[in-house]
Amino acid sequence: MMKAILDLHTHTLASGHAYSTIKENIEFAKKHGIKYLGVSDHACTMPGGPHPFYFQNLKVIPKEVDGIRVLKGIEGNIIDFDGNLDISEDISKGIDYIIASLHNPCIDPGSEEENTNAILNAMNIDKVKIIGHPDDNRYTLDYEKIVLKAKEKNILLEINNSSLNPNSFREGAAENLTRMLKLCKENRVRVVMGTDSHICYDIGKFENCEKLLEEVDFPIELVINYHENEIVDFFNMDFAAVISK
């Protein structure tokens, strides 16, 4: 099997409930063959999340550290069924990408129609590149609508490795992602694997994702993590990572 070289869903101490530094994440990423690493700490509505100044100052992180291309992101919380995020314009203009996610501390689950509309509307926000963990039974979704909107907007739907852990607090992830992947396959919609790492030791470990992708016979060409040219193009990078493959 090909080796994944991208992990965009990672957290640091700044998220309030994660346990590693950016430096530790980068060091572990290099050891495990990740060439493109995203820093995507929770936005400010998440209890314990960082102050807005944290995101406004991400500019101090070099674009490249020890051969790893570092992308500066944020996991934005969808805070209402109109799809609004807890991300100001000042924060948005300084980052490379937004993961838009539904989190229980930030929005109570609604009906399937309400949850779906929240995600569909979030997809219209500038720099939303990924829909995070659309896989929890607590937030029932109309996957056909979400897949078609992702295709229209060129947004990646996440296969979340953490959601697929047996001890995950998210419910029904394998079944829900199986449904979503079948629709993605039928409609040729790209996905992204994310570890959702809250400690450095999980970065680059996609075993749960890869097992599910294999089970549903999902085309590897639709998984962006494996394809460097697509990664560089998708994020409009001015240079590629330089560590050996």
Protein backbone atom coordinates (compact mmCIF):
# COMPACT_ATOMS: atom_id res chain seq x y z
CA MET A 1 0.00 0.00 0.00
CA MET A 2 1.11 3.57 -0.67
CA LYS A 3 2.44 5.65 2.23
CA ALA A 4 0.40 8.61 3.41
CA ILE A 5 2.48 11.81 3.53
CA LEU A 6 -0.14 14.27 4.79
CA ASP A 7 -1.75 14.74 8.21
CA LEU A 8 -3.76 17.95 8.61
CA HIS A 9 -5.88 17.19 11.69
CA THR A 10 -3.55 17.49 14.67
CA HIS A 11 -3.77 19.28 18.00
CA THR A 12 -1.24 20.73 20.41
CA LEU A 13 -1.22 21.80 24.05
CA ALA A 14 -2.96 24.98 22.93
CA SER A 15 -6.23 23.11 22.35
CA GLY A 16 -6.57 22.62 26.09
CA HIS A 17 -7.09 18.86 26.05
CA ALA A 18 -4.09 17.73 23.98
CA TYR A 19 -0.65 16.86 25.25
CA SER A 20 2.15 17.69 22.78
CA THR A 21 3.90 20.76 21.45
CA ILE A 22 4.21 21.77 17.80
CA LYS A 23 7.90 20.81 17.95
CA GLU A 24 7.06 17.34 19.27
CA ASN A 25 4.42 16.88 16.57
CA ILE A 26 6.88 17.85 13.85
CA GLU A 27 9.57 15.52 15.18
CA PHE A 28 7.18 12.58 15.33
CA ALA A 29 5.77 13.38 11.89
CA LYS A 30 9.24 13.19 10.37
CA LYS A 31 9.96 9.84 11.99
CA HIS A 32 6.80 8.44 10.43
CA GLY A 33 7.16 9.74 6.90
CA ILE A 34 4.72 12.64 7.05
CA LYS A 35 5.92 15.40 4.70
CA TYR A 36 2.99 17.79 5.12
CA LEU A 37 1.83 18.48 8.65
CA GLY A 38 -1.06 20.71 9.60
CA VAL A 39 -1.46 22.47 12.93
CA SER A 40 -5.22 22.61 13.55
CA ASP A 41 -5.97 23.52 17.12
CA HIS A 42 -9.55 24.06 18.25
CA ALA A 43 -11.00 27.52 17.79
CA CYS A 44 -11.92 29.64 20.76
CA THR A 45 -15.46 28.44 21.54
CA MET A 46 -14.13 25.02 22.57
CA PRO A 47 -13.76 24.97 26.37
CA GLY A 48 -10.07 25.36 27.16
CA GLY A 49 -9.29 26.52 23.64
CA PRO A 50 -6.68 29.17 22.88
CA HIS A 51 -7.09 32.93 22.81
CA PRO A 52 -7.49 34.48 19.31
CA PHE A 53 -3.95 35.88 19.63
CA TYR A 54 -2.65 32.30 19.36
CA PHE A 55 -4.01 31.95 15.82
CA GLN A 56 -3.09 35.48 14.79
CA ASN A 57 0.51 34.70 15.74
CA LEU A 58 0.84 31.43 13.83
CA LYS A 59 2.88 33.46 11.32
CA VAL A 60 5.93 32.92 13.55
CA ILE A 61 5.97 29.21 12.66
CA PRO A 62 8.30 28.63 9.69
CA LYS A 63 6.79 27.18 6.53
CA GLU A 64 9.39 24.44 6.63
CA VAL A 65 10.93 22.83 9.69
CA ASP A 66 13.54 20.09 9.30
CA GLY A 67 12.13 19.12 5.90
CA ILE A 68 8.49 19.11 7.02
CA ARG A 69 6.13 21.53 5.26
CA VAL A 70 4.01 23.02 8.05
CA LEU A 71 0.53 24.27 7.23
CA LYS A 72 -1.20 26.61 9.65
CA GLY A 73 -4.81 25.68 10.19
CA ILE A 74 -7.63 25.74 12.69
CA GLU A 75 -10.47 23.42 13.58
CA GLY A 76 -13.41 25.78 13.56
CA ASN A 77 -16.52 25.00 15.55
CA ILE A 78 -19.83 25.25 13.75
CA ILE A 79 -21.85 27.25 16.28
CA ASP A 80 -25.34 27.36 14.70
CA PHE A 81 -27.44 25.69 12.03
CA ASP A 82 -26.68 28.54 9.62
CA GLY A 83 -23.14 27.14 9.51
CA ASN A 84 -21.38 30.05 11.17
CA LEU A 85 -17.94 29.39 12.65
CA ASP A 86 -16.19 30.85 15.68
CA ILE A 87 -13.42 32.28 13.49
CA SER A 88 -12.97 36.00 12.98
CA GLU A 89 -11.73 37.59 9.79
CA ASP A 90 -8.48 38.53 11.55
CA ILE A 91 -7.84 34.85 12.29
CA SER A 92 -8.99 33.55 8.91
CA LYS A 93 -6.73 35.77 6.82
CA GLY A 94 -3.58 34.42 8.48
CA ILE A 95 -4.19 30.70 8.13
CA ASP A 96 -3.91 28.16 5.32
CA TYR A 97 -7.05 26.13 5.92
CA ILE A 98 -10.08 25.59 8.12
CA ILE A 99 -11.49 22.26 9.27
CA ALA A 100 -15.18 22.86 10.00
CA SER A 101 -16.60 20.48 12.60
CA LEU A 102 -19.62 19.85 14.77
CA HIS A 103 -18.64 19.51 18.43
CA ASN A 104 -21.04 18.78 21.26
CA PRO A 105 -19.66 21.45 23.64
CA CYS A 106 -20.23 24.13 20.97
CA ILE A 107 -23.57 23.21 19.39
CA ASP A 108 -26.29 20.83 20.53
CA PRO A 109 -27.33 18.24 17.95
CA GLY A 110 -30.39 19.13 15.91
CA SER A 111 -32.52 17.28 13.42
CA GLU A 112 -30.92 15.64 10.40
CA GLU A 113 -32.01 18.61 8.30
CA GLU A 114 -30.56 21.13 10.77
CA ASN A 115 -27.26 19.30 11.14
CA THR A 116 -26.94 18.91 7.38
CA ASN A 117 -27.71 22.58 6.73
CA ALA A 118 -25.07 23.57 9.27
CA ILE A 119 -22.40 21.71 7.31
CA LEU A 120 -23.67 22.75 3.88
CA ASN A 121 -23.59 26.41 4.91
CA ALA A 122 -20.14 26.08 6.51
CA MET A 123 -18.85 24.86 3.15
CA ASN A 124 -19.53 28.32 1.74
CA ILE A 125 -17.03 29.96 4.10
CA ASP A 126 -13.69 31.03 2.68
CA LYS A 127 -10.76 28.73 3.56
CA VAL A 128 -12.98 25.84 4.71
CA LYS A 129 -11.08 23.02 3.03
CA ILE A 130 -12.16 20.05 5.16
CA ILE A 131 -15.31 18.88 6.93
CA GLY A 132 -14.10 17.25 10.13
CA HIS A 133 -15.38 13.88 11.35
CA PRO A 134 -18.83 13.86 9.68
CA ASP A 135 -19.47 10.49 11.27
CA ASP A 136 -21.22 10.77 14.66
CA ASN A 137 -24.69 9.36 15.20
CA ARG A 138 -25.42 12.24 17.55
CA TYR A 139 -25.31 14.53 14.50
CA THR A 140 -27.30 12.63 11.89
CA LEU A 141 -26.59 13.83 8.36
CA ASP A 142 -27.90 13.60 4.81
CA TYR A 143 -24.71 12.26 3.26
CA GLU A 144 -25.87 12.57 -0.33
CA LYS A 145 -26.33 16.33 0.05
CA ILE A 146 -23.00 16.72 1.80
CA VAL A 147 -21.08 14.66 -0.77
CA LEU A 148 -22.58 16.59 -3.69
CA LYS A 149 -21.83 19.95 -2.05
CA ALA A 150 -18.26 18.83 -1.33
CA LYS A 151 -17.86 18.02 -5.01
CA GLU A 152 -19.28 21.40 -6.03
CA LYS A 153 -17.03 23.35 -3.64
CA ASN A 154 -13.91 21.15 -3.95
CA ILE A 155 -13.89 20.42 -0.22
CA LEU A 156 -12.40 17.30 1.36
CA LEU A 157 -14.54 15.07 3.57
CA GLU A 158 -12.58 13.60 6.44
CA ILE A 159 -12.11 9.96 7.35
CA ASN A 160 -11.16 10.40 10.97
CA ASN A 161 -8.87 7.75 12.44
CA SER A 162 -9.79 8.69 16.00
CA SER A 163 -13.52 8.29 15.32
CA LEU A 164 -12.85 4.71 14.20
CA ASN A 165 -11.08 3.71 17.42
CA PRO A 166 -13.05 1.12 19.40
CA ASN A 167 -13.06 3.43 22.44
CA SER A 168 -14.14 6.54 20.54
CA PHE A 169 -16.85 8.70 22.10
CA ARG A 170 -18.31 9.25 18.62
CA GLU A 171 -21.02 6.73 17.84
CA GLY A 172 -21.59 4.76 14.64
CA ALA A 173 -18.55 6.12 12.81
CA ALA A 174 -17.74 3.01 10.80
CA GLU A 175 -21.29 2.59 9.52
CA ASN A 176 -21.72 6.28 8.76
CA LEU A 177 -18.37 6.59 7.00
CA THR A 178 -19.11 3.47 4.96
CA ARG A 179 -22.27 5.15 3.66
CA MET A 180 -20.41 8.36 2.93
CA LEU A 181 -17.54 6.62 1.18
CA LYS A 182 -19.86 4.72 -1.13
CA LEU A 183 -21.39 8.03 -2.21
CA CYS A 184 -17.95 9.59 -2.61
CA LYS A 185 -16.90 6.67 -4.77
CA GLU A 186 -20.00 6.95 -6.95
CA ASN A 187 -19.56 10.71 -7.37
CA ARG A 188 -15.75 10.80 -7.57
CA VAL A 189 -15.39 13.00 -4.50
CA ARG A 190 -12.01 13.20 -2.78
CA VAL A 191 -11.51 12.47 0.91
CA VAL A 192 -8.73 13.15 3.38
CA MET A 193 -7.59 10.90 6.21
CA GLY A 194 -7.01 12.73 9.47
CA THR A 195 -5.59 11.33 12.67
CA ASP A 196 -7.21 13.95 14.92
CA SER A 197 -4.10 13.52 17.04
CA HIS A 198 -4.19 14.89 20.56
CA ILE A 199 -0.74 13.53 21.31
CA CYS A 200 2.26 13.33 19.00
CA TYR A 201 2.40 9.52 19.03
CA ASP A 202 -0.76 9.31 16.92
CA ILE A 203 0.44 11.52 14.06
CA GLY A 204 0.63 9.74 10.72
CA LYS A 205 -1.11 6.61 12.00
CA PHE A 206 -4.05 5.89 9.73
CA GLU A 207 -4.58 2.18 10.35
CA ASN A 208 -8.29 2.50 11.10
CA CYS A 209 -8.89 4.70 8.07
CA GLU A 210 -6.96 2.45 5.72
CA LYS A 211 -8.75 -0.65 6.96
CA LEU A 212 -12.14 0.90 6.25
CA LEU A 213 -11.05 2.25 2.86
CA GLU A 214 -9.89 -1.22 1.92
CA GLU A 215 -13.12 -2.82 3.13
CA VAL A 216 -15.24 -0.59 0.90
CA ASP A 217 -12.76 -0.86 -2.00
CA PHE A 218 -12.34 2.90 -2.13
CA PRO A 219 -10.19 4.23 -5.00
CA ILE A 220 -6.81 5.31 -3.70
CA GLU A 221 -6.68 8.09 -6.29
CA LEU A 222 -9.49 9.82 -4.37
CA VAL A 223 -7.50 9.87 -1.09
CA ILE A 224 -5.43 13.05 -1.18
CA ASN A 225 -3.00 11.97 1.57
CA TYR A 226 -1.02 9.83 -0.88
CA HIS A 227 -0.59 12.27 -3.76
CA GLU A 228 2.00 15.01 -3.38
CA ASN A 229 1.15 16.91 -6.55
CA GLU A 230 -2.50 17.11 -5.53
CA ILE A 231 -1.57 18.25 -2.02
CA VAL A 232 0.61 21.06 -3.35
CA ASP A 233 -2.06 22.11 -5.84
CA PHE A 234 -4.97 21.93 -3.39
CA PHE A 235 -3.28 24.21 -0.89
CA ASN A 236 -1.64 26.48 -3.48
CA MET A 237 1.78 25.89 -1.97
CA ASP A 238 4.76 27.80 -3.26
CA PHE A 239 7.05 24.84 -2.62
CA ALA A 240 6.89 21.18 -1.74
CA ALA A 241 8.32 19.33 1.23
CA VAL A 242 11.93 18.29 0.77
CA ILE A 243 12.41 15.18 2.91
CA SER A 244 12.94 11.93 1.07
CA LYS A 245 9.92 9.78 0.33
